[in-house]
C-alpha atoms as a PDB file:
ATOM      1  CA  PHE A   1      72.280  48.872-108.044  1.00  0.00           C
ATOM      2  CA  ASP A   2      70.871  50.127-111.321  1.00  0.00           C
ATOM      3  CA  ASN A   3      71.352  53.374-113.224  1.00  0.00           C
ATOM      4  CA  SER A   4      68.100  54.987-112.087  1.00  0.00           C
ATOM      5  CA  GLU A   5      68.183  58.748-111.659  1.00  0.00           C
ATOM      6  CA  ASN A   6      68.379  58.592-107.849  1.00  0.00           C
ATOM      7  CA  ASN A   7      71.488  56.399-107.929  1.00  0.00           C
ATOM      8  CA  ASN A   8      73.428  58.757-110.178  1.00  0.00           C
ATOM      9  CA  LEU A   9      75.378  55.968-111.865  1.00  0.00           C
ATOM     10  CA  ASP A  10      76.644  55.804-115.436  1.00  0.00           C
ATOM     11  CA  ILE A  11      76.737  52.213-116.724  1.00  0.00           C
ATOM     12  CA  THR A  12      78.995  53.304-119.587  1.00  0.00           C
ATOM     13  CA  ASP A  13      81.627  54.609-117.190  1.00  0.00           C
ATOM     14  CA  GLU A  14      84.239  51.990-116.289  1.00  0.00           C
ATOM     15  CA  GLU A  15      84.872  53.463-112.837  1.00  0.00           C
ATOM     16  CA  ASP A  16      81.157  53.399-111.985  1.00  0.00           C
ATOM     17  CA  VAL A  17      80.847  49.821-113.237  1.00  0.00           C
ATOM     18  CA  LYS A  18      83.838  48.732-111.126  1.00  0.00           C
ATOM     19  CA  GLU A  19      82.468  50.464-108.040  1.00  0.00           C
ATOM     20  CA  VAL A  20      79.041  48.855-108.494  1.00  0.00           C
ATOM     21  CA  HIS A  21      80.766  45.474-108.832  1.00  0.00           C
ATOM     22  CA  ASP A  22      82.899  45.925-105.706  1.00  0.00           C
ATOM     23  CA  LYS A  23      80.104  47.315-103.543  1.00  0.00           C
ATOM     24  CA  SER A  24      77.619  44.701-104.756  1.00  0.00           C
ATOM     25  CA  LEU A  25      79.965  42.004-103.445  1.00  0.00           C
ATOM     26  CA  ILE A  26      80.084  43.725-100.064  1.00  0.00           C
ATOM     27  CA  PHE A  27      76.286  44.029-100.093  1.00  0.00           C
ATOM     28  CA  LEU A  28      75.945  40.315-100.869  1.00  0.00           C
ATOM     29  CA  TYR A  29      78.376  39.466 -98.084  1.00  0.00           C
ATOM     30  CA  ARG A  30      76.322  41.577 -95.682  1.00  0.00           C
ATOM     31  CA  LEU A  31      73.267  39.549 -96.642  1.00  0.00           C
ATOM     32  CA  LEU A  32      75.138  36.270 -96.219  1.00  0.00           C
ATOM     33  CA  PHE A  33      76.224  37.322 -92.749  1.00  0.00           C
ATOM     34  CA  LEU A  34      72.618  38.157 -91.830  1.00  0.00           C
ATOM     35  CA  PHE A  35      71.403  34.762 -93.048  1.00  0.00           C
ATOM     36  CA  TYR A  36      74.171  33.062 -91.078  1.00  0.00           C
ATOM     37  CA  ALA A  37      73.591  35.098 -87.914  1.00  0.00           C
ATOM     38  CA  ASN A  38      69.822  34.715 -88.169  1.00  0.00           C
ATOM     39  CA  SER A  39      70.078  30.912 -88.480  1.00  0.00           C
ATOM     40  CA  GLY A  40      72.211  30.884 -85.343  1.00  0.00           C
ATOM     41  CA  GLY A  41      69.784  33.022 -83.352  1.00  0.00           C
ATOM     42  CA  MET A  42      72.236  35.929 -83.151  1.00  0.00           C
ATOM     43  CA  LEU A  43      70.000  38.679 -84.513  1.00  0.00           C
ATOM     44  CA  GLY A  44      68.028  39.898 -81.558  1.00  0.00           C
ATOM     45  CA  GLU A  45      65.262  37.395 -80.948  1.00  0.00           C
ATOM     46  CA  ASN A  46      64.188  39.657 -78.070  1.00  0.00           C
ATOM     47  CA  ILE A  47      63.333  42.612 -80.326  1.00  0.00           C
ATOM     48  CA  PRO A  48      60.014  44.054 -79.080  1.00  0.00           C
ATOM     49  CA  ARG A  49      57.081  43.916 -81.483  1.00  0.00           C
ATOM     50  CA  GLN A  50      57.017  47.686 -82.041  1.00  0.00           C
ATOM     51  CA  TYR A  51      60.584  47.543 -83.375  1.00  0.00           C
ATOM     52  CA  GLN A  52      60.389  44.378 -85.462  1.00  0.00           C
ATOM     53  CA  SER A  53      59.329  46.103 -88.681  1.00  0.00           C
ATOM     54  CA  ASP A  54      62.463  48.260 -88.465  1.00  0.00           C
ATOM     55  CA  TYR A  55      65.103  45.949 -87.055  1.00  0.00           C
ATOM     56  CA  SER A  56      64.094  42.262 -87.254  1.00  0.00           C
ATOM     57  CA  PHE A  57      65.740  40.409 -90.128  1.00  0.00           C
ATOM     58  CA  SER A  58      63.379  37.433 -89.686  1.00  0.00           C
ATOM     59  CA  TRP A  59      60.355  39.720 -89.904  1.00  0.00           C
ATOM     60  CA  TRP A  60      61.779  41.453 -92.980  1.00  0.00           C
ATOM     61  CA  LEU A  61      62.716  38.189 -94.701  1.00  0.00           C
ATOM     62  CA  ASP A  62      59.286  36.639 -94.175  1.00  0.00           C
ATOM     63  CA  GLY A  63      57.666  39.735 -95.653  1.00  0.00           C
ATOM     64  CA  VAL A  64      59.848  39.742 -98.765  1.00  0.00           C
ATOM     65  CA  LEU A  65      59.312  36.037 -99.442  1.00  0.00           C
ATOM     66  CA  ASP A  66      55.559  36.369 -98.914  1.00  0.00           C
ATOM     67  CA  GLU A  67      55.469  39.086-101.572  1.00  0.00           C
ATOM     68  CA  VAL A  68      57.495  36.894-103.925  1.00  0.00           C
ATOM     69  CA  ASP A  69      55.078  34.002-103.436  1.00  0.00           C
ATOM     70  CA  GLU A  70      52.055  36.231-104.010  1.00  0.00           C
ATOM     71  CA  ASP A  71      53.714  38.020-106.961  1.00  0.00           C
ATOM     72  CA  GLU A  72      53.212  41.342-105.192  1.00  0.00           C
ATOM     73  CA  VAL A  73      56.762  42.755-105.289  1.00  0.00           C
ATOM     74  CA  SER A  74      56.803  46.378-106.439  1.00  0.00           C
ATOM     75  CA  PRO A  75      58.581  46.800-109.795  1.00  0.00           C
ATOM     76  CA  VAL A  76      59.737  50.352-108.965  1.00  0.00           C
ATOM     77  CA  GLY A  77      59.609  50.710-105.164  1.00  0.00           C
ATOM     78  CA  VAL A  78      62.639  50.572-102.859  1.00  0.00           C
ATOM     79  CA  ILE A  79      60.921  49.976 -99.493  1.00  0.00           C
ATOM     80  CA  HIS A  80      62.594  46.591 -98.942  1.00  0.00           C
ATOM     81  CA  HIS A  81      66.027  48.138 -99.337  1.00  0.00           C
ATOM     82  CA  LEU A  82      65.176  51.040 -97.031  1.00  0.00           C
ATOM     83  CA  ASN A  83      64.046  48.605 -94.350  1.00  0.00           C
ATOM     84  CA  LEU A  84      67.167  46.494 -94.870  1.00  0.00           C
ATOM     85  CA  LYS A  85      69.337  49.587 -94.386  1.00  0.00           C
ATOM     86  CA  SER A  86      67.834  49.939 -90.888  1.00  0.00           C
ATOM     87  CA  ILE A  87      68.789  46.342 -90.131  1.00  0.00           C
ATOM     88  CA  PHE A  88      72.312  46.951 -91.420  1.00  0.00           C
ATOM     89  CA  GLU A  89      72.487  49.978 -89.122  1.00  0.00           C
ATOM     90  CA  ILE A  90      71.539  48.164 -85.928  1.00  0.00           C
ATOM     91  CA  VAL A  91      73.840  45.234 -86.746  1.00  0.00           C
ATOM     92  CA  GLY A  92      76.728  47.644 -87.279  1.00  0.00           C
ATOM     93  CA  LYS A  93      76.039  50.068 -84.411  1.00  0.00           C
ATOM     94  CA  GLY A  94      73.977  48.061 -81.946  1.00  0.00           C
ATOM     95  CA  SER A  95      70.893  49.457 -80.255  1.00  0.00           C
ATOM     96  CA  LYS A  96      73.031  51.793 -78.119  1.00  0.00           C
ATOM     97  CA  GLY A  97      74.299  53.468 -81.272  1.00  0.00           C
ATOM     98  CA  ILE A  98      70.801  54.397 -82.465  1.00  0.00           C
ATOM     99  CA  ASP A  99      69.362  57.424 -80.670  1.00  0.00           C
ATOM    100  CA  LYS A 100      65.687  56.622 -81.224  1.00  0.00           C
ATOM    101  CA  ILE A 101      65.892  53.318 -79.301  1.00  0.00           C
ATOM    102  CA  PRO A 102      65.606  53.883 -75.517  1.00  0.00           C
ATOM    103  CA  GLU A 103      68.181  51.806 -73.669  1.00  0.00           C
ATOM    104  CA  GLU A 104      65.525  50.330 -71.378  1.00  0.00           C
ATOM    105  CA  GLU A 105      63.486  49.019 -74.354  1.00  0.00           C
ATOM    106  CA  PHE A 106      65.910  46.333 -75.504  1.00  0.00           C
ATOM    107  CA  GLU A 107      69.603  45.734 -76.154  1.00  0.00           C
ATOM    108  CA  PHE A 108      71.013  44.599 -79.474  1.00  0.00           C
ATOM    109  CA  PRO A 109      74.791  44.009 -79.574  1.00  0.00           C
ATOM    110  CA  ALA A 110      76.904  45.606 -82.266  1.00  0.00           C
ATOM    111  CA  TYR A 111      78.905  43.326 -84.529  1.00  0.00           C
ATOM    112  CA  ASN A 112      82.152  45.227 -84.691  1.00  0.00           C
ATOM    113  CA  GLY A 113      84.034  45.388 -87.939  1.00  0.00           C
ATOM    114  CA  ARG A 114      84.022  47.359 -91.138  1.00  0.00           C
ATOM    115  CA  LEU A 115      81.460  45.270 -93.030  1.00  0.00           C
ATOM    116  CA  PHE A 116      78.427  47.295 -91.892  1.00  0.00           C
ATOM    117  CA  SER A 117      80.163  50.656 -91.550  1.00  0.00           C
ATOM    118  CA  ASN A 118      78.745  53.400 -93.764  1.00  0.00           C
ATOM    119  CA  GLU A 119      81.787  55.494 -92.969  1.00  0.00           C
ATOM    120  CA  GLU A 120      83.868  52.737 -94.538  1.00  0.00           C
ATOM    121  CA  HIS A 121      81.402  52.268 -97.404  1.00  0.00           C
ATOM    122  CA  GLU A 122      79.915  55.681 -98.200  1.00  0.00           C
ATOM    123  CA  PHE A 123      78.594  54.325-101.491  1.00  0.00           C
ATOM    124  CA  PHE A 124      75.647  52.786 -99.629  1.00  0.00           C
ATOM    125  CA  LYS A 125      74.458  56.019 -98.005  1.00  0.00           C
ATOM    126  CA  ASP A 126      72.432  57.342-100.924  1.00  0.00           C
ATOM    127  CA  LYS A 127      72.115  54.348-103.271  1.00  0.00           C
ATOM    128  CA  ARG A 128      68.905  52.342-103.601  1.00  0.00           C
ATOM    129  CA  ILE A 129      67.992  48.893-104.940  1.00  0.00           C
ATOM    130  CA  ARG A 130      64.570  48.396-106.423  1.00  0.00           C
ATOM    131  CA  SER A 131      62.468  45.816-104.623  1.00  0.00           C
ATOM    132  CA  LYS A 132      62.025  43.625-107.699  1.00  0.00           C
ATOM    133  CA  TYR A 133      65.787  43.076-107.933  1.00  0.00           C
ATOM    134  CA  LEU A 134      66.449  42.751-104.203  1.00  0.00           C
ATOM    135  CA  ALA A 135      63.576  40.302-103.691  1.00  0.00           C
ATOM    136  CA  LYS A 136      64.934  38.048-106.432  1.00  0.00           C
ATOM    137  CA  VAL A 137      68.385  37.950-104.834  1.00  0.00           C
ATOM    138  CA  VAL A 138      66.953  37.339-101.364  1.00  0.00           C
ATOM    139  CA  ASP A 139      64.736  34.517-102.644  1.00  0.00           C
ATOM    140  CA  LEU A 140      67.722  32.791-104.260  1.00  0.00           C
ATOM    141  CA  LEU A 141      69.740  33.089-101.048  1.00  0.00           C
ATOM    142  CA  ALA A 142      66.893  32.052 -98.749  1.00  0.00           C
ATOM    143  CA  ARG A 143      65.399  29.009-100.463  1.00  0.00           C
ATOM    144  CA  ARG A 144      66.324  26.054-102.577  1.00  0.00           C
ATOM    145  CA  GLU A 145      64.380  23.828-104.894  1.00  0.00           C
ATOM    146  CA  THR A 146      63.226  20.461-103.633  1.00  0.00           C
ATOM    147  CA  GLU A 147      63.753  17.274-105.614  1.00  0.00           C
ATOM    148  CA  GLU A 148      60.260  17.851-106.992  1.00  0.00           C
ATOM    149  CA  GLY A 149      61.385  21.209-108.374  1.00  0.00           C
ATOM    150  CA  GLU A 150      59.496  23.367-105.889  1.00  0.00           C
ATOM    151  CA  LYS A 151      61.429  26.242-104.308  1.00  0.00           C
ATOM    152  CA  GLN A 152      59.923  25.946-100.828  1.00  0.00           C
ATOM    153  CA  VAL A 153      62.723  24.799 -98.551  1.00  0.00           C
ATOM    154  CA  ARG A 154      64.543  27.422 -96.476  1.00  0.00           C
ATOM    155  CA  ILE A 155      68.318  27.100 -96.522  1.00  0.00           C
ATOM    156  CA  ASP A 156      69.896  26.551 -93.106  1.00  0.00           C
ATOM    157  CA  TYR A 157      73.031  28.660 -92.741  1.00  0.00           C
ATOM    158  CA  SER A 158      73.727  27.687 -89.129  1.00  0.00           C
ATOM    159  CA  ASP A 159      76.320  25.056 -90.090  1.00  0.00           C
ATOM    160  CA  LEU A 160      78.482  27.623 -91.855  1.00  0.00           C
ATOM    161  CA  GLY A 161      81.597  28.880 -90.148  1.00  0.00           C
ATOM    162  CA  VAL A 162      83.661  32.020 -90.612  1.00  0.00           C
ATOM    163  CA  LYS A 163      85.989  30.126 -92.963  1.00  0.00           C
ATOM    164  CA  HIS A 164      83.017  29.076 -95.085  1.00  0.00           C
ATOM    165  CA  LEU A 165      81.832  32.684 -95.363  1.00  0.00           C
ATOM    166  CA  GLY A 166      85.345  33.728 -96.343  1.00  0.00           C
ATOM    167  CA  GLY A 167      85.438  31.038 -99.024  1.00  0.00           C
ATOM    168  CA  ILE A 168      82.110  32.222-100.411  1.00  0.00           C
ATOM    169  CA  TYR A 169      83.388  35.783-100.580  1.00  0.00           C
ATOM    170  CA  GLU A 170      86.530  34.696-102.387  1.00  0.00           C
ATOM    171  CA  GLY A 171      84.345  32.824-104.875  1.00  0.00           C
ATOM    172  CA  LEU A 172      82.284  35.949-105.491  1.00  0.00           C
ATOM    173  CA  LEU A 173      85.455  37.866-106.341  1.00  0.00           C
ATOM    174  CA  GLU A 174      85.894  35.691-109.420  1.00  0.00           C
ATOM    175  CA  TYR A 175      82.863  37.270-111.096  1.00  0.00           C
ATOM    176  CA  GLU A 176      83.191  40.309-113.329  1.00  0.00           C
ATOM    177  CA  LEU A 177      80.625  43.001-114.093  1.00  0.00           C
ATOM    178  CA  LYS A 178      80.437  44.399-117.608  1.00  0.00           C
ATOM    179  CA  SER A 179      78.139  46.940-119.206  1.00  0.00           C
ATOM    180  CA  ALA A 180      76.187  45.459-122.126  1.00  0.00           C
ATOM    181  CA  ASP A 181      75.787  47.544-125.270  1.00  0.00           C
ATOM    182  CA  GLU A 182      72.421  45.880-125.905  1.00  0.00           C
ATOM    183  CA  LYS A 183      69.748  43.966-124.017  1.00  0.00           C
ATOM    184  CA  LYS A 184      70.876  40.417-123.237  1.00  0.00           C
ATOM    185  CA  ILE A 185      69.155  37.353-121.805  1.00  0.00           C
ATOM    186  CA  ALA A 186      70.625  34.436-119.842  1.00  0.00           C
ATOM    187  CA  VAL A 187      69.887  31.085-121.475  1.00  0.00           C
ATOM    188  CA  LYS A 188      70.968  27.626-120.395  1.00  0.00           C
ATOM    189  CA  GLU A 189      73.244  25.784-122.818  1.00  0.00           C
ATOM    190  CA  ASN A 190      74.845  22.410-122.037  1.00  0.00           C
ATOM    191  CA  GLY A 191      74.031  22.838-118.360  1.00  0.00           C
ATOM    192  CA  SER A 192      75.555  26.304-117.957  1.00  0.00           C
ATOM    193  CA  LEU A 193      74.272  29.865-118.365  1.00  0.00           C
ATOM    194  CA  LYS A 194      75.202  31.887-121.412  1.00  0.00           C
ATOM    195  CA  TRP A 195      74.330  35.522-122.122  1.00  0.00           C
ATOM    196  CA  VAL A 196      72.997  36.123-125.620  1.00  0.00           C
ATOM    197  CA  SER A 197      71.475  39.054-127.453  1.00  0.00           C
ATOM    198  CA  ALA A 198      67.747  39.494-126.839  1.00  0.00           C
ATOM    199  CA  THR A 199      67.211  40.001-130.562  1.00  0.00           C
ATOM    200  CA  GLU A 200      68.928  36.674-131.218  1.00  0.00           C
ATOM    201  CA  VAL A 201      66.580  34.924-128.774  1.00  0.00           C
ATOM    202  CA  ASP A 202      63.546  36.612-130.351  1.00  0.00           C
ATOM    203  CA  LYS A 203      64.703  35.479-133.772  1.00  0.00           C
ATOM    204  CA  ASP A 204      65.113  31.864-132.609  1.00  0.00           C
ATOM    205  CA  PHE A 205      61.577  31.830-131.228  1.00  0.00           C
ATOM    206  CA  SER A 206      60.129  33.438-134.357  1.00  0.00           C
ATOM    207  CA  ASP A 207      61.808  30.783-136.504  1.00  0.00           C
END
């Protein structure tokens, strides 16, 4: 979630930074659950074709990854996030909780709990993530590099259990979000990532 005008966030405000951090973890956990549920065939394989563009996670995921592969992801658009919000909605409410889906068309069960509740997480109601950022996150979660260094293999989440998902979430809690006072770039040093000033990197290359 960036500080674009529509998001109404101030990256210099500590409370805004903390809220972005906390809600980003919940957003990531939502995605992890979708990957896990999708691998296990739990996300409505019977969704009719006319509803797939709105509510099928598999359909949405394939589209995002295709755009990544073709380098066609919009740098400013938010369509992928808007479509994902619809998927979050049907996972949280089920098809019976969405008025525009006739009951005789198909049935999608609701996954009860607070994870997908917008009443519980009002932050998500009017916030948007640009496609270029969301696609990068989704690609990292969806695929891994082969031994030859090609990122083409889909990750299978079906072997994960609830305890595994909980462990992942606890691991995410260890990360902190800080507002940088200047542009920084992640560079690899001794096998780990380190954030350095962009001007410092430019200077190293110019030397």
